[in-house]
Protein backbone atom coordinates (compact mmCIF):
# COMPACT_ATOMS: atom_id res chain seq x y z
CA MET A 1 -52.61 -22.49 -40.37
CA ASN A 2 -49.04 -23.73 -39.93
CA ARG A 3 -47.94 -20.19 -39.16
CA LYS A 4 -50.53 -19.89 -36.38
CA ARG A 5 -49.38 -23.23 -34.94
CA ASN A 6 -45.75 -22.09 -34.97
CA ILE A 7 -46.61 -18.85 -33.21
CA PHE A 8 -48.67 -20.75 -30.63
CA PHE A 9 -45.76 -23.19 -30.10
CA TRP A 10 -43.25 -20.42 -29.41
CA VAL A 11 -45.63 -18.55 -27.10
CA VAL A 12 -46.19 -21.72 -25.06
CA LEU A 13 -42.46 -22.50 -25.01
CA ILE A 14 -41.48 -19.02 -23.81
CA ALA A 15 -44.21 -19.03 -21.20
CA GLY A 16 -43.04 -22.46 -20.05
CA ILE A 17 -39.47 -21.29 -19.68
CA GLY A 18 -40.71 -18.36 -17.64
CA VAL A 19 -42.27 -20.63 -15.03
CA LEU A 20 -39.41 -23.11 -14.82
CA PRO A 21 -37.99 -23.35 -11.27
CA GLY A 22 -35.01 -21.03 -10.75
CA ALA A 23 -33.63 -18.24 -8.63
CA GLU A 24 -35.79 -15.12 -8.42
CA LEU A 25 -33.40 -12.20 -8.23
CA ASP A 26 -35.42 -10.03 -5.89
CA GLY A 27 -33.36 -10.07 -2.70
CA VAL A 28 -35.56 -12.64 -0.99
CA ILE A 29 -34.13 -16.14 -0.49
CA ARG A 30 -36.92 -18.72 -0.60
CA SER A 31 -36.81 -22.37 0.38
CA GLY A 32 -35.62 -24.47 -2.54
CA GLU A 33 -34.65 -21.48 -4.64
CA TYR A 34 -30.98 -22.49 -4.65
CA GLU A 35 -29.27 -25.88 -4.83
CA THR A 36 -26.67 -25.31 -2.13
CA GLU A 37 -26.15 -23.04 0.86
CA TYR A 38 -22.89 -22.20 2.61
CA SER A 39 -22.57 -20.46 5.98
CA PHE A 40 -19.60 -18.43 7.19
CA GLN A 41 -18.68 -16.20 10.15
CA ASP A 42 -20.74 -18.29 12.60
CA GLU A 43 -23.64 -18.39 10.10
CA ALA A 44 -23.82 -14.59 9.91
CA VAL A 45 -22.84 -14.71 6.23
CA LYS A 46 -24.63 -17.05 3.85
CA ILE A 47 -23.90 -17.75 0.20
CA TYR A 48 -26.37 -19.56 -2.06
CA LEU A 49 -25.53 -21.16 -5.42
CA LYS A 50 -27.51 -22.66 -8.27
CA VAL A 51 -26.15 -23.82 -11.63
CA GLU A 52 -28.60 -23.70 -14.52
CA ALA A 53 -27.34 -24.77 -17.94
CA SER A 54 -24.66 -22.19 -18.86
CA LEU A 55 -25.50 -19.81 -16.00
CA ILE A 56 -24.88 -19.61 -12.27
CA SER A 57 -27.18 -17.81 -9.84
CA ILE A 58 -25.71 -16.54 -6.57
CA GLY A 59 -27.31 -15.10 -3.46
CA ILE A 60 -25.40 -13.46 -0.60
CA GLU A 61 -26.77 -12.53 2.81
CA ALA A 62 -24.65 -10.45 5.23
CA PRO A 63 -25.22 -8.58 8.53
CA THR A 64 -24.70 -5.10 7.09
CA THR A 65 -26.47 -2.18 5.46
CA GLY A 66 -23.47 -1.55 3.22
CA TRP A 67 -22.02 -3.36 0.23
CA VAL A 68 -21.42 -7.10 0.01
CA GLY A 69 -19.04 -8.80 -2.38
CA ILE A 70 -17.82 -12.15 -3.62
CA GLY A 71 -14.75 -13.04 -5.66
CA PHE A 72 -13.86 -16.09 -7.70
CA ASP A 73 -10.53 -17.84 -8.25
CA PRO A 74 -8.06 -15.35 -6.71
CA VAL A 75 -4.40 -16.05 -7.42
CA SER A 76 -3.25 -14.80 -4.03
CA VAL A 77 -5.44 -13.13 -1.37
CA MET A 78 -7.53 -10.84 -3.67
CA ASP A 79 -5.16 -10.63 -6.62
CA GLN A 80 -6.82 -11.34 -10.00
CA ALA A 81 -10.13 -12.31 -8.42
CA ASP A 82 -13.22 -11.99 -10.61
CA MET A 83 -15.55 -10.08 -8.29
CA VAL A 84 -19.12 -8.92 -7.93
CA ILE A 85 -19.84 -6.09 -5.48
CA ALA A 86 -23.45 -5.14 -4.77
CA TRP A 87 -25.47 -2.95 -2.41
CA VAL A 88 -28.93 -1.54 -1.81
CA ASP A 89 -29.16 2.24 -1.58
CA ALA A 90 -31.26 4.32 0.81
CA GLY A 91 -34.12 4.32 -1.69
CA GLY A 92 -34.23 0.52 -1.82
CA LYS A 93 -32.66 0.26 -5.28
CA ALA A 94 -30.16 -2.55 -5.85
CA HIS A 95 -26.82 -1.95 -7.56
CA ALA A 96 -24.24 -4.50 -8.71
CA LEU A 97 -20.83 -4.18 -10.35
CA ASP A 98 -18.80 -6.74 -12.28
CA CYS A 99 -15.28 -6.05 -10.97
CA PHE A 100 -11.72 -7.40 -11.08
CA SER A 101 -9.02 -7.11 -8.41
CA THR A 102 -5.68 -5.92 -9.74
CA GLY A 103 -3.65 -6.45 -6.54
CA LEU A 104 -3.29 -8.50 -3.37
CA PHE A 105 -5.56 -6.10 -1.49
CA GLY A 106 -7.19 -4.37 -4.44
CA PRO A 107 -8.09 -2.07 -5.96
CA HIS A 108 -11.01 -3.78 -7.67
CA PRO A 109 -12.37 -1.45 -10.38
CA PRO A 110 -15.32 -2.40 -12.60
CA ASP A 111 -14.46 -4.53 -15.63
CA THR A 112 -15.56 -1.68 -17.89
CA GLU A 113 -12.64 0.43 -16.60
CA LEU A 114 -10.17 -2.35 -17.51
CA GLY A 115 -11.29 -2.90 -21.07
CA GLY A 116 -13.84 -5.58 -20.22
CA THR A 117 -17.62 -5.65 -20.12
CA ASN A 118 -20.33 -5.88 -17.49
CA ASP A 119 -21.39 -9.52 -17.74
CA LEU A 120 -24.03 -9.65 -15.02
CA ILE A 121 -27.19 -10.86 -16.70
CA ALA A 122 -29.53 -9.80 -13.91
CA PHE A 123 -29.42 -8.82 -10.23
CA GLY A 124 -31.61 -7.76 -7.34
CA GLY A 125 -31.35 -6.97 -3.66
CA LYS A 126 -33.10 -6.06 -0.46
CA GLU A 127 -32.06 -4.41 2.79
CA GLU A 128 -34.05 -5.21 5.89
CA GLY A 129 -33.49 -5.61 9.63
CA GLY A 130 -29.81 -4.63 9.47
CA LYS A 131 -29.14 -7.27 6.82
CA THR A 132 -28.52 -7.03 3.10
CA VAL A 133 -29.40 -9.75 0.63
CA VAL A 134 -28.21 -9.47 -2.97
CA GLU A 135 -28.71 -11.89 -5.84
CA PHE A 136 -27.20 -11.97 -9.31
CA GLN A 137 -26.76 -14.20 -12.31
CA ARG A 138 -23.73 -14.51 -14.58
CA PRO A 139 -22.42 -16.88 -17.28
CA LEU A 140 -20.28 -19.83 -16.24
CA LYS A 141 -17.88 -19.10 -19.09
CA ALA A 142 -15.55 -16.10 -19.13
CA SER A 143 -16.72 -13.33 -21.44
CA ASP A 144 -13.50 -11.27 -21.48
CA SER A 145 -9.96 -11.15 -20.12
CA VAL A 146 -11.07 -9.88 -16.71
CA ASP A 147 -13.62 -12.63 -16.12
CA LYS A 148 -12.89 -16.07 -14.68
CA PRO A 149 -14.71 -19.20 -15.86
CA ILE A 150 -16.58 -21.26 -13.27
CA ASP A 151 -16.37 -25.02 -13.81
CA PRO A 152 -19.06 -26.84 -11.76
CA THR A 153 -17.00 -30.05 -11.89
CA LYS A 154 -13.99 -28.51 -10.14
CA PRO A 155 -13.46 -26.98 -6.66
CA LEU A 156 -14.10 -23.25 -6.67
CA LYS A 157 -12.02 -20.83 -4.61
CA ILE A 158 -14.04 -17.87 -3.36
CA ILE A 159 -13.49 -14.79 -1.22
CA TRP A 160 -16.29 -12.80 0.40
CA ALA A 161 -16.50 -9.48 2.21
CA TYR A 162 -18.91 -6.81 3.38
CA SER A 163 -18.68 -3.19 4.45
CA GLU A 164 -20.67 -0.78 6.57
CA THR A 165 -21.01 1.70 3.70
CA ASP A 166 -22.46 1.65 0.19
CA ARG A 167 -19.25 3.02 -1.34
CA PHE A 168 -17.88 -0.06 -3.09
CA ASP A 169 -14.23 1.08 -2.85
CA ASP A 170 -14.39 1.57 0.95
CA MET A 171 -12.55 -0.89 3.18
CA HIS A 172 -14.48 -4.01 4.17
CA SER A 173 -15.39 -4.60 7.82
CA ALA A 174 -15.29 -8.40 7.55
CA ALA A 175 -13.96 -10.87 5.02
CA GLY A 176 -13.22 -14.54 4.51
CA SER A 177 -12.30 -17.19 1.98
CA ALA A 178 -13.26 -20.75 1.22
CA GLU A 179 -13.00 -23.54 -1.29
CA ILE A 180 -16.32 -25.07 -2.27
CA ASP A 181 -17.22 -28.19 -4.20
CA LEU A 182 -20.24 -27.52 -6.40
CA LYS A 183 -20.76 -31.25 -6.97
CA THR A 184 -20.95 -32.32 -3.32
CA GLY A 185 -22.00 -29.04 -1.70
CA GLN A 186 -19.08 -29.20 0.73
CA ALA A 187 -17.08 -26.14 1.71
CA ILE A 188 -13.71 -25.76 3.43
CA GLN A 189 -13.53 -22.39 5.13
CA LYS A 190 -10.16 -20.66 5.26
CA GLN A 191 -9.55 -18.02 7.92
CA GLY A 192 -6.26 -16.22 7.56
CA GLY A 193 -7.04 -12.63 8.53
CA ARG A 194 -5.77 -12.94 12.09
CA PHE A 195 -2.41 -14.19 10.83
CA LEU A 196 -1.97 -11.05 8.75
CA PHE A 197 -2.64 -8.94 11.86
CA PHE A 198 -0.01 -10.93 13.82
CA HIS A 199 2.46 -10.51 10.95
CA ILE A 200 2.04 -6.73 10.93
CA VAL A 201 2.41 -6.43 14.71
CA LEU A 202 5.41 -8.77 14.93
CA MET A 203 7.29 -7.26 12.01
CA SER A 204 6.62 -3.73 13.25
CA SER A 205 8.00 -4.73 16.66
CA ALA A 206 11.07 -6.26 15.00
CA VAL A 207 11.78 -3.00 13.16
CA VAL A 208 11.57 -1.07 16.44
CA PHE A 209 13.81 -3.56 18.29
CA MET A 210 16.46 -3.67 15.57
CA SER A 211 16.46 0.10 14.96
CA THR A 212 16.75 0.84 18.67
CA GLY A 213 19.55 -1.69 19.04
CA VAL A 214 21.51 -0.14 16.17
CA GLY A 215 20.91 3.35 17.57
CA ILE A 216 22.18 2.36 21.02
CA ALA A 217 25.33 0.80 19.54
CA ARG A 218 25.94 3.92 17.48
CA PHE A 219 25.22 6.71 19.96
CA LEU A 220 25.16 5.31 23.52
CA ARG A 221 28.28 3.16 23.69
CA LYS A 222 29.58 5.16 26.66
CA LYS A 223 26.72 3.89 28.83
CA LYS A 224 27.55 0.87 30.97
CA TRP A 225 24.33 -0.87 30.08
CA TRP A 226 24.52 -0.41 26.30
CA LEU A 227 25.88 -3.84 25.38
CA LYS A 228 23.38 -5.76 27.49
CA VAL A 229 20.41 -3.83 26.09
CA HIS A 230 21.83 -3.93 22.54
CA ARG A 231 22.19 -7.71 22.73
CA SER A 232 18.69 -8.19 24.17
CA LEU A 233 17.10 -6.06 21.47
CA GLY A 234 18.90 -8.06 18.77
CA ILE A 235 17.54 -11.32 20.19
CA LEU A 236 14.03 -9.85 20.46
CA SER A 237 14.21 -8.66 16.86
CA ALA A 238 15.27 -12.10 15.63
CA PHE A 239 12.49 -13.74 17.66
CA SER A 240 9.84 -11.32 16.35
CA THR A 241 10.89 -11.73 12.71
CA GLY A 242 10.78 -15.50 13.04
CA LEU A 243 7.24 -15.41 14.40
CA GLY A 244 6.29 -12.79 11.80
CA LEU A 245 7.57 -15.04 9.02
CA GLY A 246 5.56 -17.96 10.40
CA SER A 247 2.38 -15.89 10.65
CA ILE A 248 2.55 -14.65 7.05
CA PHE A 249 3.22 -18.22 5.89
CA LEU A 250 -0.01 -19.30 7.63
CA PHE A 251 -1.87 -16.32 6.19
CA VAL A 252 -0.91 -17.20 2.62
CA GLU A 253 -1.72 -20.87 3.21
CA ASN A 254 -5.18 -20.00 4.54
CA THR A 255 -6.00 -17.60 1.71
CA GLY A 256 -4.98 -19.96 -1.06
CA GLY A 257 -2.17 -17.73 -2.28
CA ARG A 258 1.34 -18.34 -3.59
CA HIS A 259 4.37 -17.88 -1.36
CA LEU A 260 6.99 -15.30 -2.38
CA ALA A 261 4.69 -14.01 -5.11
CA VAL A 262 5.63 -10.33 -4.62
CA LEU A 263 8.89 -8.37 -4.19
CA HIS A 264 7.84 -7.41 -0.65
CA ALA A 265 8.05 -11.06 0.35
CA TRP A 266 11.58 -11.48 -1.01
CA VAL A 267 12.87 -8.29 0.65
CA GLY A 268 11.20 -9.34 3.89
CA LEU A 269 12.75 -12.80 3.71
CA VAL A 270 16.26 -11.36 3.30
CA ALA A 271 15.56 -9.01 6.23
CA VAL A 272 14.47 -11.97 8.38
CA ILE A 273 17.69 -13.83 7.53
CA GLY A 274 19.68 -10.72 8.43
CA ALA A 275 17.81 -10.26 11.72
CA VAL A 276 18.76 -13.81 12.71
CA LEU A 277 22.40 -13.67 11.53
CA VAL A 278 23.30 -10.24 12.96
CA PRO A 279 22.96 -11.28 16.66
CA ILE A 280 24.90 -14.47 15.89
CA LEU A 281 27.71 -12.44 14.35
CA GLY A 282 27.67 -10.16 17.39
CA GLN A 283 28.13 -13.10 19.73
CA ALA A 284 30.85 -14.47 17.46
CA PHE A 285 33.10 -11.40 17.53
CA LEU A 286 32.67 -11.13 21.33
CA LYS A 287 33.56 -14.78 21.94
CA LEU A 288 36.09 -15.53 19.20
CA LYS A 289 39.59 -14.15 18.84
CA TRP A 290 39.89 -15.22 15.18
CA LYS A 291 39.34 -12.29 12.79
CA LYS A 292 37.70 -10.29 15.54
CA GLN A 293 37.74 -6.95 13.74
CA GLU A 294 36.39 -8.44 10.52
CA LEU A 295 33.49 -10.08 12.36
CA ARG A 296 32.79 -6.85 14.19
CA SER A 297 32.66 -4.89 10.93
CA VAL A 298 30.35 -7.46 9.30
CA HIS A 299 28.10 -7.38 12.39
CA ARG A 300 27.85 -3.57 12.27
CA TRP A 301 27.14 -3.32 8.57
CA GLY A 302 24.85 -6.33 8.71
CA GLY A 303 22.74 -4.57 11.34
CA ARG A 304 22.53 -1.36 9.32
CA ILE A 305 21.62 -3.20 6.10
CA THR A 306 19.04 -5.32 7.91
CA VAL A 307 17.37 -2.25 9.40
CA SER A 308 17.26 -0.65 5.95
CA LEU A 309 15.73 -3.80 4.42
CA MET A 310 13.17 -3.97 7.23
CA GLY A 311 12.15 -0.38 6.55
CA LEU A 312 11.93 -1.03 2.81
CA ALA A 313 9.82 -4.15 3.37
CA ALA A 314 7.54 -2.20 5.71
CA LEU A 315 6.99 0.51 3.07
CA MET A 316 6.26 -2.15 0.45
CA GLY A 317 3.80 -3.79 2.83
CA LEU A 318 1.99 -0.51 3.43
CA ARG A 319 1.77 -0.01 -0.32
CA ILE A 320 0.26 -3.47 -0.78
CA LEU A 321 -2.29 -2.69 1.92
CA GLY A 322 -3.21 0.47 0.06
CA ILE A 323 -2.08 2.79 2.85
CA LEU A 324 0.66 4.40 0.73
């Protein structure tokens, strides 16, 4: 008799748990299914969160028919972010990967390729009307070295992105970052992508200005106009590097990263200092009579070294972006 009662008790308990309110991971976001909702990109991207005991349920809606992704607690930009990338294929089947970013701009291979495990408990998704909705559930605690714990009592840094294709390693078409407070439901959106674009344009321009200026001084000194153009290009290079430095500072600030966290940043900083000092040295040896030849030699070699450092920093930047 007691055995029958125990069996009945467990059947009722399991059935009760099954009907408790919670997120249904089917790719359809229903009213009241999640505790909090956050909107980004002029409400085109929506992220839904619900904490249940030791688990967190997350829903993502994006204006794409490709993959969508979210990352937790990046150190800088994407570096060391615990990520989930999901998509719905042409047959309507949902796919989701537990990933980890190994660099500022990726790559972000699945945890299983890095010695970890796939810790997604369940997932689902739906693609309809040019939009993709994916839902998944994962533990709050980290399960291995390539997972990040989520503490509901502390602010959570997130990054999000989506692509136009289902290939999860393809470049995203839109991305953003934010810091959310799971206790209050407030979110501070951080938009730094445009600053990275300005940095690339400004630093590329500075390399062209400085290289051209050095080339004119080396090969076109017989032209009457060489000094005027050489001087103007040096000033333009210094101006561009200054603005480029400011733009990357704002980019890192808006993506929650650490300044001077990579060798590229240090080489770039030295190049910026050189780009500012070289025109000053040029003016000095033209205006001053004291140690004129020494100043001239330092100016020449300073320009050549600065151009070399600019080129090296550019190559490092392209490598970070995944182009090289």
